[in-house]
Amino acid sequence: MKNFLKDLEYKAARFMYGRYGADELSRACLITAGILLIASLLLKMPLLNAVGLILLIWTEFRMYSRNTAKRRAERQAYLNLKYRTQRPFRVMKLNRTEKEYKHFACPQCGRIVRVPRGHGRITVTCRQCGKSFEGRS
């Protein structure tokens, strides 16, 4: 039995050689597909079931794909979208937790700039791109 499992593990590793595998986008799609499939069972909506299955099939296709450049570009687009949507919440959390400094996101490049609190209305200059913008510290 032990040899069988080792042989199975070796064959699976050989099969996956040169394939893309799982990444953050795959995990997010699998979780979304699972939620859609469970919701389709509870709500009895065949459309949710179809969308969940299509998403599941697409995720499996991505994981077994040999076109790694295309999958890497998809992953990068997903991470950029995720970062852009999370950035305002990250700045709000920093402003809530840190009492000595106020944080601003540069409107041009998105870099988070930290300035001391208690100076009223100030002009902030981004170190990365040089863009100046006003804010209240």
Protein backbone atom coordinates (compact mmCIF):
# COMPACT_ATOMS: atom_id res chain seq x y z
CA MET A 1 0.00 0.00 0.00
CA LYS A 2 2.87 2.35 0.84
CA ASN A 3 4.48 1.78 -2.57
CA PHE A 4 1.15 2.38 -4.28
CA LEU A 5 0.77 5.77 -2.56
CA LYS A 6 4.36 6.75 -3.36
CA ASP A 7 3.83 5.71 -6.98
CA LEU A 8 0.58 7.70 -7.14
CA GLU A 9 2.31 10.76 -5.69
CA TYR A 10 5.13 10.43 -8.24
CA LYS A 11 2.66 10.11 -11.13
CA ALA A 12 0.71 13.16 -9.95
CA ALA A 13 3.93 15.17 -9.68
CA ARG A 14 4.97 14.11 -13.20
CA PHE A 15 1.54 15.03 -14.55
CA MET A 16 1.71 18.51 -13.00
CA TYR A 17 5.25 19.16 -14.28
CA GLY A 18 5.15 22.23 -16.55
CA ARG A 19 1.58 23.07 -15.61
CA TYR A 20 0.52 26.26 -13.87
CA GLY A 21 -1.04 24.89 -10.66
CA ALA A 22 -2.98 26.78 -8.00
CA ASP A 23 -2.57 30.47 -7.16
CA GLU A 24 -4.54 33.24 -5.42
CA LEU A 25 -6.97 33.62 -8.33
CA SER A 26 -7.63 29.88 -8.40
CA ARG A 27 -8.34 29.84 -4.67
CA ALA A 28 -10.69 32.83 -4.95
CA CYS A 29 -12.53 31.21 -7.88
CA LEU A 30 -12.85 27.88 -6.04
CA ILE A 31 -14.28 29.60 -2.96
CA THR A 32 -16.69 31.64 -5.11
CA ALA A 33 -17.76 28.53 -7.04
CA GLY A 34 -18.37 26.68 -3.77
CA ILE A 35 -20.47 29.52 -2.40
CA LEU A 36 -22.48 29.69 -5.63
CA LEU A 37 -23.07 25.93 -5.66
CA ILE A 38 -24.23 25.90 -2.03
CA ALA A 39 -26.45 28.94 -2.65
CA SER A 40 -27.98 27.22 -5.70
CA LEU A 41 -28.87 24.22 -3.53
CA LEU A 42 -30.44 26.37 -0.82
CA LEU A 43 -32.24 28.81 -3.12
CA LYS A 44 -33.05 26.25 -5.84
CA MET A 45 -31.77 28.51 -8.62
CA PRO A 46 -30.35 26.56 -11.58
CA LEU A 47 -28.61 29.67 -12.94
CA LEU A 48 -26.37 29.88 -9.86
CA ASN A 49 -25.59 26.19 -10.27
CA ALA A 50 -24.58 26.71 -13.91
CA VAL A 51 -22.42 29.74 -13.10
CA GLY A 52 -20.75 27.87 -10.24
CA LEU A 53 -19.99 24.85 -12.44
CA ILE A 54 -18.61 27.04 -15.24
CA LEU A 55 -16.39 28.84 -12.73
CA LEU A 56 -15.23 25.49 -11.33
CA ILE A 57 -14.39 24.17 -14.82
CA TRP A 58 -12.54 27.38 -15.71
CA THR A 59 -10.53 27.15 -12.48
CA GLU A 60 -9.55 23.54 -13.21
CA PHE A 61 -8.56 24.58 -16.74
CA ARG A 62 -6.33 27.33 -15.30
CA MET A 63 -4.67 24.93 -12.87
CA TYR A 64 -3.84 22.33 -15.53
CA SER A 65 -2.86 24.83 -18.23
CA ARG A 66 0.63 24.78 -19.72
CA ASN A 67 0.35 28.38 -20.95
CA THR A 68 1.96 29.86 -17.84
CA ALA A 69 2.51 33.32 -19.34
CA LYS A 70 -1.21 33.80 -19.95
CA ARG A 71 -2.10 32.47 -16.47
CA ARG A 72 0.50 34.75 -14.89
CA ALA A 73 -1.01 37.76 -16.69
CA GLU A 74 -4.50 36.78 -15.44
CA ARG A 75 -3.14 36.47 -11.90
CA GLN A 76 -1.45 39.86 -12.10
CA ALA A 77 -4.66 41.52 -13.34
CA TYR A 78 -6.55 39.92 -10.42
CA LEU A 79 -3.95 41.06 -7.88
CA ASN A 80 -4.01 44.62 -9.28
CA LEU A 81 -7.80 44.73 -8.99
CA LYS A 82 -7.67 43.27 -5.48
CA TYR A 83 -5.02 45.78 -4.39
CA ARG A 84 -6.94 48.75 -5.83
CA THR A 85 -10.12 47.74 -4.01
CA GLN A 86 -8.35 47.05 -0.69
CA ARG A 87 -6.17 50.19 -0.64
CA PRO A 88 -8.79 52.65 0.74
CA PHE A 89 -9.65 50.25 3.55
CA ARG A 90 -5.97 49.80 4.37
CA VAL A 91 -5.51 53.59 4.60
CA MET A 92 -8.61 53.89 6.82
CA LYS A 93 -7.28 51.15 9.11
CA LEU A 94 -3.88 52.85 9.35
CA ASN A 95 -5.52 56.20 10.17
CA ARG A 96 -7.67 54.57 12.84
CA THR A 97 -4.85 52.65 14.54
CA GLU A 98 -1.92 55.08 14.31
CA LYS A 99 -2.41 58.19 16.46
CA GLU A 100 0.76 60.17 15.68
CA TYR A 101 0.58 60.06 11.88
CA LYS A 102 -2.08 60.50 9.20
CA HIS A 103 -1.86 58.41 6.02
CA PHE A 104 -2.85 59.51 2.52
CA ALA A 105 -2.93 57.54 -0.72
CA CYS A 106 -1.33 59.40 -3.62
CA PRO A 107 -4.03 59.99 -6.27
CA GLN A 108 -1.56 59.42 -9.12
CA CYS A 109 0.54 56.39 -8.17
CA GLY A 110 -1.31 55.03 -5.14
CA ARG A 111 1.62 55.07 -2.74
CA ILE A 112 0.68 55.53 0.91
CA VAL A 113 2.26 58.72 2.31
CA ARG A 114 2.60 59.27 6.06
CA VAL A 115 2.55 62.80 7.59
CA PRO A 116 2.49 63.94 11.24
CA ARG A 117 -0.91 64.75 12.71
CA GLY A 118 -2.00 68.11 14.08
CA HIS A 119 -0.75 70.52 11.39
CA GLY A 120 -4.16 71.40 9.91
CA ARG A 121 -4.52 71.76 6.14
CA ILE A 122 -1.23 70.80 4.45
CA THR A 123 0.17 70.11 1.01
CA VAL A 124 1.57 66.59 0.73
CA THR A 125 4.14 65.69 -1.93
CA CYS A 126 4.47 62.05 -2.96
CA ARG A 127 8.06 60.81 -2.79
CA GLN A 128 7.57 58.31 -5.58
CA CYS A 129 5.96 60.38 -8.35
CA GLY A 130 6.30 63.98 -7.08
CA LYS A 131 2.56 64.75 -7.26
CA SER A 132 1.39 67.37 -4.74
CA PHE A 133 -2.07 67.20 -3.19
CA GLU A 134 -3.82 68.79 -0.25
CA GLY A 135 -5.02 67.03 2.85
CA ARG A 136 -5.94 67.61 6.45
CA SER A 137 -3.63 66.18 9.06
